[in-house]
Amino acid sequence: MGKTVLLNRVRDYAVEKGFLTIFIEAHEEKSMPVLLLPHLRKILIKLNSYEQLSEIARRGLRVLKSFASVSRPS
């Protein structure tokens, strides 16, 4: 079994269990924060729509904003 097949099965299982997932393709010229930030922001905004999770999502968005500001290249 290849890595992609395994990752797709893990993603499918997570979705079945109610987890939100994202697909990120690694890129040699982009740092991990640059790759992750837009996707994490989308998930946190989606979580904000769930009333019981909205405070957790808002806190996550604040942390993400802080993380983004320190991980920007100079």
Protein backbone atom coordinates (compact mmCIF):
# COMPACT_ATOMS: atom_id res chain seq x y z
CA MET A 1 0.00 0.00 0.00
CA GLY A 2 1.35 3.43 -0.93
CA LYS A 3 1.60 6.48 1.32
CA THR A 4 -1.14 8.36 -0.55
CA VAL A 5 -3.53 5.42 -0.28
CA LEU A 6 -2.84 5.18 3.45
CA LEU A 7 -3.33 8.92 3.98
CA ASN A 8 -6.59 8.85 2.01
CA ARG A 9 -7.88 5.98 4.16
CA VAL A 10 -6.96 7.81 7.35
CA ARG A 11 -8.75 10.92 6.03
CA ASP A 12 -11.86 8.91 5.10
CA TYR A 13 -11.93 7.31 8.54
CA ALA A 14 -11.55 10.70 10.24
CA VAL A 15 -14.41 12.16 8.17
CA GLU A 16 -16.60 9.17 9.07
CA LYS A 17 -15.91 9.91 12.74
CA GLY A 18 -16.90 13.57 12.31
CA PHE A 19 -13.48 15.20 12.12
CA LEU A 20 -12.76 18.09 9.78
CA THR A 21 -9.85 17.36 7.46
CA ILE A 22 -7.69 19.30 5.03
CA PHE A 23 -5.45 18.37 2.13
CA ILE A 24 -2.09 20.07 1.98
CA GLU A 25 0.51 19.34 -0.64
CA ALA A 26 4.07 19.96 0.49
CA HIS A 27 6.03 22.48 -1.49
CA GLU A 28 9.80 22.85 -1.18
CA GLU A 29 9.71 26.63 -1.61
CA LYS A 30 7.03 27.28 1.03
CA SER A 31 7.42 26.97 4.78
CA MET A 32 5.10 24.81 6.87
CA PRO A 33 3.34 27.85 8.45
CA VAL A 34 2.66 29.32 5.01
CA LEU A 35 1.14 26.01 3.90
CA LEU A 36 -0.90 25.46 7.07
CA LEU A 37 -2.24 28.92 7.96
CA PRO A 38 -4.92 29.34 5.27
CA HIS A 39 -6.30 25.85 5.87
CA LEU A 40 -6.30 26.15 9.65
CA ARG A 41 -8.05 29.50 9.37
CA LYS A 42 -10.82 27.94 7.23
CA ILE A 43 -11.33 25.13 9.74
CA LEU A 44 -11.45 27.52 12.70
CA ILE A 45 -13.98 29.71 10.91
CA LYS A 46 -16.09 26.63 10.19
CA LEU A 47 -15.85 25.56 13.85
CA ASN A 48 -16.99 29.05 14.85
CA SER A 49 -20.36 28.26 13.27
CA TYR A 50 -20.96 25.51 15.83
CA GLU A 51 -22.37 27.38 18.80
CA GLN A 52 -20.79 25.21 21.51
CA LEU A 53 -17.38 25.48 19.84
CA SER A 54 -17.48 29.15 18.96
CA GLU A 55 -15.39 30.36 21.92
CA ILE A 56 -12.79 27.67 21.31
CA ALA A 57 -12.70 28.61 17.62
CA ARG A 58 -12.37 32.33 18.41
CA ARG A 59 -9.49 31.58 20.76
CA GLY A 60 -7.93 29.40 18.07
CA LEU A 61 -8.25 32.20 15.52
CA ARG A 62 -6.49 34.61 17.91
CA VAL A 63 -3.65 32.11 18.42
CA LEU A 64 -3.45 31.52 14.68
CA LYS A 65 -3.26 35.27 14.02
CA SER A 66 -0.48 35.56 16.58
CA PHE A 67 1.33 32.57 15.06
CA ALA A 68 1.01 34.06 11.58
CA SER A 69 2.47 37.37 12.66
CA VAL A 70 5.62 35.77 14.12
CA SER A 71 6.11 33.25 11.33
CA ARG A 72 6.16 35.80 8.50
CA PRO A 73 9.55 36.06 6.85
CA SER A 74 11.40 39.32 7.53
